[in-house]
Amino acid sequence: MTRRHLSPYRIMWLFVMFDLPVGTRKERKQATGFRNHLLDLGFEMSQFSIYLKYCASGEKADAVGGQIQQQLPPGGKIDILTITDKQFANMRRFYAKGRIKNEIKPSQLRLF
């Protein structure tokens, strides 16, 4: 892989933010299925309804976004945000009034 491919401006982070209906048993099952699908795609939970994934390129992020679109549960609101690794590095994150580091970037790319 060339240096150009490892640029923090080409490496992407994909955020999936969602509100899903959970009023009935069927809706809860669909919401759980959607969350499990995100985990199967390699996402990690950032907050209860925000999942994020490290993608090696914009093309990979677009492909993963398409896979999410195919699994949308009915009646849910889902937003997908893509940012560069450089932008992600500038994100300030806090937990219980303490700052946490952005250290969830994998040390090497996963091969499927």
Foldseek 3Di string as FASTA:
>chain_A
DDPVLQDLQFKKKKKKAKDFDDPDPVRVVLVVVLVVVCVVVPWDDPDPRITMDIGSGPVRNVVVVVVSVVSDDPPMDMDMDMGGSVVVQPDWDDDPNHTDHPPPPDPDDDDD
